[in-house]
Structures are given as structure tokens and as C-alpha cells.
PDB file of N, CA and C in Angstrom:
ATOM      1  N   UNK A   1     108.333  75.489 123.388  1.00  0.00           N
ATOM      2  CA  UNK A   1     109.628  75.606 123.989  1.00  0.00           C
ATOM      3  C   UNK A   1     109.774  77.005 124.592  1.00  0.00           C
ATOM      4  N   UNK A   2     110.237  77.066 125.813  1.00  0.00           N
ATOM      5  CA  UNK A   2     110.457  78.349 126.468  1.00  0.00           C
ATOM      6  C   UNK A   2     111.750  78.974 125.975  1.00  0.00           C
ATOM      7  N   UNK A   3     111.679  80.268 125.682  1.00  0.00           N
ATOM      8  CA  UNK A   3     112.912  80.994 125.376  1.00  0.00           C
ATOM      9  C   UNK A   3     113.305  81.877 126.545  1.00  0.00           C
ATOM     10  N   UNK A   4     112.344  82.172 127.415  1.00  0.00           N
ATOM     11  CA  UNK A   4     112.625  82.946 128.627  1.00  0.00           C
ATOM     12  C   UNK A   4     112.043  82.179 129.807  1.00  0.00           C
ATOM     13  N   UNK A   5     112.909  81.482 130.475  1.00  0.00           N
ATOM     14  CA  UNK A   5     112.469  80.692 131.627  1.00  0.00           C
ATOM     15  C   UNK A   5     112.092  81.602 132.787  1.00  0.00           C
ATOM     16  N   UNK A   6     112.804  82.714 132.919  1.00  0.00           N
ATOM     17  CA  UNK A   6     112.554  83.640 134.034  1.00  0.00           C
ATOM     18  C   UNK A   6     111.109  84.153 134.048  1.00  0.00           C
ATOM     19  N   UNK A   7     110.541  84.345 132.841  1.00  0.00           N
ATOM     20  CA  UNK A   7     109.180  84.890 132.743  1.00  0.00           C
ATOM     21  C   UNK A   7     108.219  83.952 132.018  1.00  0.00           C
ATOM     22  N   UNK A   8     108.612  82.715 131.838  1.00  0.00           N
ATOM     23  CA  UNK A   8     107.775  81.679 131.212  1.00  0.00           C
ATOM     24  C   UNK A   8     107.200  82.140 129.864  1.00  0.00           C
ATOM     25  N   UNK A   9     108.080  82.656 129.010  1.00  0.00           N
ATOM     26  CA  UNK A   9     107.683  83.111 127.680  1.00  0.00           C
ATOM     27  C   UNK A   9     108.156  82.071 126.672  1.00  0.00           C
ATOM     28  N   UNK A  10     107.229  81.624 125.848  1.00  0.00           N
ATOM     29  CA  UNK A  10     107.566  80.590 124.872  1.00  0.00           C
ATOM     30  C   UNK A  10     107.900  81.196 123.516  1.00  0.00           C
ATOM     31  N   UNK A  11     108.507  80.392 122.684  1.00  0.00           N
ATOM     32  CA  UNK A  11     108.796  80.793 121.316  1.00  0.00           C
ATOM     33  C   UNK A  11     107.495  81.123 120.599  1.00  0.00           C
ATOM     34  N   UNK A  12     106.467  80.345 120.835  1.00  0.00           N
ATOM     35  CA  UNK A  12     105.163  80.596 120.211  1.00  0.00           C
ATOM     36  C   UNK A  12     104.612  81.960 120.605  1.00  0.00           C
ATOM     37  N   UNK A  13     104.779  82.359 121.867  1.00  0.00           N
ATOM     38  CA  UNK A  13     104.315  83.672 122.315  1.00  0.00           C
ATOM     39  C   UNK A  13     104.936  84.789 121.478  1.00  0.00           C
ATOM     40  N   UNK A  14     106.236  84.685 121.287  1.00  0.00           N
ATOM     41  CA  UNK A  14     106.964  85.715 120.547  1.00  0.00           C
ATOM     42  C   UNK A  14     106.587  85.696 119.071  1.00  0.00           C
ATOM     43  N   UNK A  15     106.554  84.526 118.475  1.00  0.00           N
ATOM     44  CA  UNK A  15     106.222  84.411 117.047  1.00  0.00           C
ATOM     45  C   UNK A  15     104.802  84.922 116.786  1.00  0.00           C
ATOM     46  N   UNK A  16     103.862  84.572 117.643  1.00  0.00           N
ATOM     47  CA  UNK A  16     102.476  85.046 117.478  1.00  0.00           C
ATOM     48  C   UNK A  16     102.411  86.562 117.547  1.00  0.00           C
ATOM     49  N   UNK A  17     103.206  87.151 118.409  1.00  0.00           N
ATOM     50  CA  UNK A  17     103.229  88.613 118.515  1.00  0.00           C
ATOM     51  C   UNK A  17     103.773  89.239 117.241  1.00  0.00           C
ATOM     52  N   UNK A  18     104.822  88.677 116.676  1.00  0.00           N
ATOM     53  CA  UNK A  18     105.354  89.177 115.404  1.00  0.00           C
ATOM     54  C   UNK A  18     104.335  88.997 114.283  1.00  0.00           C
ATOM     55  N   UNK A  19     103.596  87.898 114.296  1.00  0.00           N
ATOM     56  CA  UNK A  19     102.577  87.667 113.278  1.00  0.00           C
ATOM     57  C   UNK A  19     101.428  88.659 113.425  1.00  0.00           C
ATOM     58  N   UNK A  20     101.063  88.944 114.660  1.00  0.00           N
ATOM     59  CA  UNK A  20      99.956  89.873 114.923  1.00  0.00           C
ATOM     60  C   UNK A  20     100.320  91.292 114.472  1.00  0.00           C
ATOM     61  N   UNK A  21     101.559  91.697 114.726  1.00  0.00           N
ATOM     62  CA  UNK A  21     102.011  93.040 114.366  1.00  0.00           C
ATOM     63  C   UNK A  21     103.441  92.961 113.835  1.00  0.00           C
ATOM     64  N   UNK A  22     103.586  92.676 112.531  1.00  0.00           N
ATOM     65  CA  UNK A  22     104.926  92.503 111.953  1.00  0.00           C
ATOM     66  C   UNK A  22     105.818  93.738 112.079  1.00  0.00           C
ATOM     67  N   UNK A  23     105.215  94.898 112.234  1.00  0.00           N
ATOM     68  CA  UNK A  23     106.017  96.121 112.320  1.00  0.00           C
ATOM     69  C   UNK A  23     106.538  96.377 113.739  1.00  0.00           C
ATOM     70  N   UNK A  24     106.075  95.598 114.699  1.00  0.00           N
ATOM     71  CA  UNK A  24     106.498  95.802 116.085  1.00  0.00           C
ATOM     72  C   UNK A  24     107.980  95.491 116.221  1.00  0.00           C
ATOM     73  N   UNK A  25     108.698  96.407 116.823  1.00  0.00           N
ATOM     74  CA  UNK A  25     110.133  96.261 116.996  1.00  0.00           C
ATOM     75  C   UNK A  25     110.501  95.282 118.100  1.00  0.00           C
ATOM     76  N   UNK A  26     111.729  94.860 118.040  1.00  0.00           N
ATOM     77  CA  UNK A  26     112.244  93.903 119.024  1.00  0.00           C
ATOM     78  C   UNK A  26     112.150  94.464 120.433  1.00  0.00           C
ATOM     79  N   UNK A  27     112.515  95.744 120.602  1.00  0.00           N
ATOM     80  CA  UNK A  27     112.484  96.350 121.938  1.00  0.00           C
ATOM     81  C   UNK A  27     111.085  96.346 122.537  1.00  0.00           C
ATOM     82  N   UNK A  28     110.083  96.595 121.716  1.00  0.00           N
ATOM     83  CA  UNK A  28     108.695  96.592 122.203  1.00  0.00           C
ATOM     84  C   UNK A  28     108.278  95.196 122.674  1.00  0.00           C
ATOM     85  N   UNK A  29     108.688  94.188 121.922  1.00  0.00           N
ATOM     86  CA  UNK A  29     108.362  92.810 122.297  1.00  0.00           C
ATOM     87  C   UNK A  29     109.098  92.423 123.581  1.00  0.00           C
ATOM     88  N   UNK A  30     110.356  92.814 123.684  1.00  0.00           N
ATOM     89  CA  UNK A  30     111.114  92.533 124.901  1.00  0.00           C
ATOM     90  C   UNK A  30     110.427  93.161 126.109  1.00  0.00           C
ATOM     91  N   UNK A  31     109.981  94.402 125.977  1.00  0.00           N
ATOM     92  CA  UNK A  31     109.293  95.092 127.068  1.00  0.00           C
ATOM     93  C   UNK A  31     107.956  94.436 127.387  1.00  0.00           C
ATOM     94  N   UNK A  32     107.203  94.119 126.358  1.00  0.00           N
ATOM     95  CA  UNK A  32     105.867  93.552 126.545  1.00  0.00           C
ATOM     96  C   UNK A  32     105.912  92.260 127.358  1.00  0.00           C
ATOM     97  N   UNK A  33     106.862  91.403 127.038  1.00  0.00           N
ATOM     98  CA  UNK A  33     106.948  90.110 127.705  1.00  0.00           C
ATOM     99  C   UNK A  33     107.964  90.094 128.849  1.00  0.00           C
ATOM    100  N   UNK A  34     108.611  91.242 129.079  1.00  0.00           N
ATOM    101  CA  UNK A  34     109.641  91.361 130.118  1.00  0.00           C
ATOM    102  C   UNK A  34     110.818  90.417 129.878  1.00  0.00           C
ATOM    103  N   UNK A  35     111.012  90.089 128.619  1.00  0.00           N
ATOM    104  CA  UNK A  35     112.090  89.195 128.229  1.00  0.00           C
ATOM    105  C   UNK A  35     113.414  89.940 128.346  1.00  0.00           C
ATOM    106  N   UNK A  36     114.383  89.307 128.951  1.00  0.00           N
ATOM    107  CA  UNK A  36     115.708  89.880 129.076  1.00  0.00           C
ATOM    108  C   UNK A  36     115.899  90.779 130.277  1.00  0.00           C
ATOM    109  N   UNK A  37     114.873  90.924 131.102  1.00  0.00           N
ATOM    110  CA  UNK A  37     114.979  91.807 132.265  1.00  0.00           C
ATOM    111  C   UNK A  37     115.728  91.173 133.434  1.00  0.00           C
ATOM    112  N   UNK A  38     115.800  89.879 133.475  1.00  0.00           N
ATOM    113  CA  UNK A  38     116.491  89.223 134.586  1.00  0.00           C
ATOM    114  C   UNK A  38     117.875  88.760 134.132  1.00  0.00           C
ATOM    115  N   UNK A  39     117.998  87.556 133.696  1.00  0.00           N
ATOM    116  CA  UNK A  39     119.329  87.040 133.337  1.00  0.00           C
ATOM    117  C   UNK A  39     119.806  87.559 131.979  1.00  0.00           C
ATOM    118  N   UNK A  40     118.864  87.865 131.067  1.00  0.00           N
ATOM    119  CA  UNK A  40     119.219  88.442 129.773  1.00  0.00           C
ATOM    120  C   UNK A  40     119.641  87.462 128.694  1.00  0.00           C
ATOM    121  N   UNK A  41     119.708  86.200 129.019  1.00  0.00           N
ATOM    122  CA  UNK A  41     120.200  85.225 128.039  1.00  0.00           C
ATOM    123  C   UNK A  41     119.251  85.021 126.861  1.00  0.00           C
ATOM    124  N   UNK A  42     118.021  85.433 126.986  1.00  0.00           N
ATOM    125  CA  UNK A  42     117.035  85.197 125.933  1.00  0.00           C
ATOM    126  C   UNK A  42     116.934  86.334 124.920  1.00  0.00           C
ATOM    127  N   UNK A  43     117.549  87.477 125.180  1.00  0.00           N
ATOM    128  CA  UNK A  43     117.445  88.615 124.268  1.00  0.00           C
ATOM    129  C   UNK A  43     117.890  88.264 122.850  1.00  0.00           C
ATOM    130  N   UNK A  44     118.998  87.587 122.740  1.00  0.00           N
ATOM    131  CA  UNK A  44     119.522  87.238 121.412  1.00  0.00           C
ATOM    132  C   UNK A  44     118.590  86.279 120.682  1.00  0.00           C
ATOM    133  N   UNK A  45     117.914  85.415 121.424  1.00  0.00           N
ATOM    134  CA  UNK A  45     116.967  84.477 120.807  1.00  0.00           C
ATOM    135  C   UNK A  45     115.804  85.249 120.200  1.00  0.00           C
ATOM    136  N   UNK A  46     115.295  86.247 120.914  1.00  0.00           N
ATOM    137  CA  UNK A  46     114.194  87.057 120.400  1.00  0.00           C
ATOM    138  C   UNK A  46     114.650  87.820 119.155  1.00  0.00           C
ATOM    139  N   UNK A  47     115.839  88.370 119.185  1.00  0.00           N
ATOM    140  CA  UNK A  47     116.360  89.071 118.014  1.00  0.00           C
ATOM    141  C   UNK A  47     116.458  88.132 116.815  1.00  0.00           C
ATOM    142  N   UNK A  48     116.930  86.931 117.041  1.00  0.00           N
ATOM    143  CA  UNK A  48     117.043  85.960 115.953  1.00  0.00           C
ATOM    144  C   UNK A  48     115.675  85.545 115.437  1.00  0.00           C
ATOM    145  N   UNK A  49     114.692  85.412 116.329  1.00  0.00           N
ATOM    146  CA  UNK A  49     113.328  85.082 115.892  1.00  0.00           C
ATOM    147  C   UNK A  49     112.779  86.169 114.980  1.00  0.00           C
ATOM    148  N   UNK A  50     113.040  87.426 115.313  1.00  0.00           N
ATOM    149  CA  UNK A  50     112.569  88.538 114.478  1.00  0.00           C
ATOM    150  C   UNK A  50     113.249  88.480 113.112  1.00  0.00           C
ATOM    151  N   UNK A  51     114.539  88.251 113.088  1.00  0.00           N
ATOM    152  CA  UNK A  51     115.274  88.147 111.824  1.00  0.00           C
ATOM    153  C   UNK A  51     114.708  87.007 110.985  1.00  0.00           C
ATOM    154  N   UNK A  52     114.498  85.858 111.603  1.00  0.00           N
ATOM    155  CA  UNK A  52     113.938  84.703 110.893  1.00  0.00           C
ATOM    156  C   UNK A  52     112.537  85.005 110.382  1.00  0.00           C
ATOM    157  N   UNK A  53     111.741  85.714 111.184  1.00  0.00           N
ATOM    158  CA  UNK A  53     110.384  86.073 110.788  1.00  0.00           C
ATOM    159  C   UNK A  53     110.415  86.977 109.558  1.00  0.00           C
ATOM    160  N   UNK A  54     111.312  87.955 109.560  1.00  0.00           N
ATOM    161  CA  UNK A  54     111.434  88.863 108.417  1.00  0.00           C
ATOM    162  C   UNK A  54     111.866  88.097 107.168  1.00  0.00           C
ATOM    163  N   UNK A  55     112.857  87.238 107.303  1.00  0.00           N
ATOM    164  CA  UNK A  55     113.326  86.442 106.165  1.00  0.00           C
ATOM    165  C   UNK A  55     112.206  85.586 105.595  1.00  0.00           C
ATOM    166  N   UNK A  56     111.444  84.966 106.490  1.00  0.00           N
ATOM    167  CA  UNK A  56     110.345  84.111 106.059  1.00  0.00           C
ATOM    168  C   UNK A  56     109.273  84.938 105.354  1.00  0.00           C
ATOM    169  N   UNK A  57     108.989  86.119 105.879  1.00  0.00           N
ATOM    170  CA  UNK A  57     107.984  87.000 105.262  1.00  0.00           C
ATOM    171  C   UNK A  57     108.406  87.397 103.858  1.00  0.00           C
ATOM    172  N   UNK A  58     109.697  87.688 103.682  1.00  0.00           N
ATOM    173  CA  UNK A  58     110.205  88.060 102.366  1.00  0.00           C
ATOM    174  C   UNK A  58     110.066  86.890 101.396  1.00  0.00           C
ATOM    175  N   UNK A  59     110.378  85.691 101.846  1.00  0.00           N
ATOM    176  CA  UNK A  59     110.250  84.509 100.985  1.00  0.00           C
ATOM    177  C   UNK A  59     108.810  84.245 100.587  1.00  0.00           C
ATOM    178  N   UNK A  60     107.864  84.487 101.493  1.00  0.00           N
ATOM    179  CA  UNK A  60     106.457  84.264 101.179  1.00  0.00           C
ATOM    180  C   UNK A  60     105.942  85.270 100.146  1.00  0.00           C
ATOM    181  N   UNK A  61     106.471  86.499 100.180  1.00  0.00           N
ATOM    182  CA  UNK A  61     105.989  87.517  99.270  1.00  0.00           C
ATOM    183  C   UNK A  61     106.667  87.462  97.902  1.00  0.00           C
ATOM    184  N   UNK A  62     107.735  86.711  97.795  1.00  0.00           N
ATOM    185  CA  UNK A  62     108.473  86.627  96.516  1.00  0.00           C
ATOM    186  C   UNK A  62     107.784  85.716  95.537  1.00  0.00           C
TER     187      UNK A  62
END
């Protein structure tokens, strides 16, 4: 599923990046994929994906 239609970035692209480097900040991911540079509607989705990723990581380590 695409989260950024303007730059053809999928949810999988973003999640894989967080998995590859969990310490990478949201701003770095936004810049890397150019997400949010045009219409901006996808920025909040990326932020929520990071939050969900962190929550899931905490649950796995518990």
C-alpha cells in the first residue's frame, strides 16, 4: 500500500527502513524518501508508523 503517492513510497519501504536502522529518526526517513515534500498528507502516516514500530519493538523485548 502506498503512503506517499507523490513519490510512490509504500508502507513496506518505510517499515523496512525502520527495521534496518531502528534509531533512524522520522525526519531522516522523510528526507530519504522525499515523503511530505509535495502535498504533505503522508507525514502523519510516517510518524504513526514509527510510533507503531517502537511499540511493537517494546512488546517483542518484554
